[in-house]
């Protein structure tokens, strides 16, 4: 079975391309991924079968050999630090909630800062 690396994979579209060690480009459909795997990162090494489709080579029966580590997981904050951050975030959102109950939205500049903090915390949790 050929071995290659993922060139790119679009989870939303459900497909991408592999490059074999010999340099051949191979179409990779999400249905060829192992059970439970919904996405793969560029650079992930795989072993796969190849079938000729209407538009060229297509990967079948993919087996992941070496998954690329997540940079986000490797650099995210320790859980203890995230606990403190989420507690502070709760206090911040509670203050906004009190204003909203009184019919007042936060000022635009303050709302933008809070939204940025929420996005950042969400990114750290989702890594």
Protein backbone atom coordinates (compact mmCIF):
# COMPACT_ATOMS: atom_id res chain seq x y z
CA UNK A 1 0.00 0.00 0.00
CA UNK A 2 1.30 3.49 -0.82
CA UNK A 3 2.29 5.93 1.90
CA UNK A 4 1.94 9.70 1.71
CA UNK A 5 1.13 12.93 3.50
CA UNK A 6 -1.99 15.05 3.59
CA UNK A 7 -1.45 18.16 1.44
CA UNK A 8 -4.70 19.76 2.63
CA UNK A 9 -8.11 18.67 3.88
CA UNK A 10 -11.28 20.78 4.14
CA UNK A 11 -13.55 19.38 6.85
CA UNK A 12 -16.56 21.41 5.71
CA UNK A 13 -16.29 20.17 2.11
CA UNK A 14 -15.35 16.66 3.20
CA UNK A 15 -12.33 16.17 0.97
CA UNK A 16 -8.70 17.04 0.36
CA UNK A 17 -5.58 15.70 -1.31
CA UNK A 18 -2.67 13.48 -0.38
CA UNK A 19 0.80 13.45 -1.89
CA UNK A 20 2.40 10.01 -2.14
CA UNK A 21 6.08 9.58 -1.34
CA UNK A 22 6.57 9.24 -5.11
CA UNK A 23 4.93 12.65 -5.69
CA UNK A 24 1.54 11.51 -7.03
CA UNK A 25 -1.50 13.57 -5.97
CA UNK A 26 -4.39 11.47 -4.67
CA UNK A 27 -7.93 12.65 -3.92
CA UNK A 28 -9.00 12.00 -0.31
CA UNK A 29 -12.71 11.88 0.51
CA UNK A 30 -13.91 11.96 4.13
CA UNK A 31 -15.58 8.57 3.62
CA UNK A 32 -12.13 6.98 3.20
CA UNK A 33 -10.98 8.12 6.65
CA UNK A 34 -10.92 5.60 9.51
CA UNK A 35 -14.07 5.25 11.63
CA UNK A 36 -14.43 8.13 14.08
CA UNK A 37 -11.98 10.40 12.25
CA UNK A 38 -13.68 13.48 10.81
CA UNK A 39 -10.66 15.60 9.91
CA UNK A 40 -6.94 15.35 9.32
CA UNK A 41 -4.23 17.99 9.42
CA UNK A 42 -1.81 18.82 6.64
CA UNK A 43 1.36 16.75 7.01
CA UNK A 44 -0.35 13.73 8.56
CA UNK A 45 1.29 10.54 7.23
CA UNK A 46 -1.09 7.88 5.95
CA UNK A 47 -1.13 4.48 4.34
CA UNK A 48 -3.88 3.97 1.79
CA UNK A 49 -5.10 2.05 -1.19
CA UNK A 50 -5.54 3.77 -4.55
CA UNK A 51 -8.36 3.34 -7.04
CA UNK A 52 -8.67 5.11 -10.37
CA UNK A 53 -11.80 7.26 -10.33
CA UNK A 54 -13.40 9.39 -13.02
CA UNK A 55 -11.06 12.27 -12.18
CA UNK A 56 -7.90 10.40 -11.30
CA UNK A 57 -6.42 8.58 -8.34
CA UNK A 58 -8.57 8.32 -5.23
CA UNK A 59 -7.55 7.09 -1.76
CA UNK A 60 -9.33 4.11 -0.24
CA UNK A 61 -9.09 2.45 3.18
CA UNK A 62 -6.90 5.11 4.77
CA UNK A 63 -4.86 4.24 7.85
CA UNK A 64 -3.21 7.03 9.83
CA UNK A 65 0.45 6.28 10.50
CA UNK A 66 1.62 9.50 12.13
CA UNK A 67 -0.82 12.27 13.04
CA UNK A 68 0.52 15.80 13.28
CA UNK A 69 0.37 17.11 16.84
CA UNK A 70 -1.94 20.02 17.49
CA UNK A 71 0.02 23.23 17.99
CA UNK A 72 -2.93 24.69 19.89
CA UNK A 73 -2.98 21.78 22.35
CA UNK A 74 0.77 21.99 22.86
CA UNK A 75 0.67 25.71 23.65
CA UNK A 76 -2.58 26.05 25.56
CA UNK A 77 -2.63 27.14 29.18
CA UNK A 78 -2.61 24.63 32.05
CA UNK A 79 -6.06 23.62 33.34
CA UNK A 80 -5.45 25.35 36.69
CA UNK A 81 -4.82 28.67 34.89
CA UNK A 82 -7.92 28.18 32.76
CA UNK A 83 -10.00 27.63 35.91
CA UNK A 84 -8.97 31.07 37.20
CA UNK A 85 -9.64 32.66 33.81
CA UNK A 86 -13.12 31.14 33.57
CA UNK A 87 -13.96 32.30 37.10
CA UNK A 88 -12.95 35.86 36.15
CA UNK A 89 -14.94 35.53 32.94
CA UNK A 90 -18.02 34.53 34.94
CA UNK A 91 -17.67 37.68 37.04
CA UNK A 92 -17.29 39.80 33.90
CA UNK A 93 -20.36 38.25 32.26
CA UNK A 94 -22.35 38.57 35.48
CA UNK A 95 -21.70 42.34 35.48
CA UNK A 96 -22.85 42.57 31.85
CA UNK A 97 -25.91 40.47 32.67
CA UNK A 98 -26.91 42.85 35.46
CA UNK A 99 -26.75 45.78 33.04
CA UNK A 100 -28.78 43.90 30.45
CA UNK A 101 -31.48 43.17 33.05
CA UNK A 102 -31.75 46.92 33.54
CA UNK A 103 -32.13 47.41 29.78
CA UNK A 104 -28.57 48.62 29.13
CA UNK A 105 -26.18 47.11 26.65
CA UNK A 106 -22.47 47.64 27.35
CA UNK A 107 -20.73 50.46 25.49
CA UNK A 108 -19.44 49.45 22.07
CA UNK A 109 -15.75 49.55 23.02
CA UNK A 110 -16.36 47.50 26.18
CA UNK A 111 -18.56 45.01 24.30
CA UNK A 112 -15.82 44.53 21.67
CA UNK A 113 -13.23 43.78 24.39
CA UNK A 114 -15.54 41.28 26.10
CA UNK A 115 -16.27 39.58 22.76
CA UNK A 116 -12.52 39.30 22.07
CA UNK A 117 -11.96 37.73 25.50
CA UNK A 118 -14.80 35.27 24.93
CA UNK A 119 -13.36 34.25 21.56
CA UNK A 120 -9.90 33.75 23.03
CA UNK A 121 -11.15 31.66 25.93
CA UNK A 122 -13.30 29.62 23.54
CA UNK A 123 -10.23 28.99 21.34
CA UNK A 124 -8.22 27.83 24.37
CA UNK A 125 -11.00 25.48 25.46
CA UNK A 126 -11.60 24.13 21.95
CA UNK A 127 -7.95 23.30 21.22
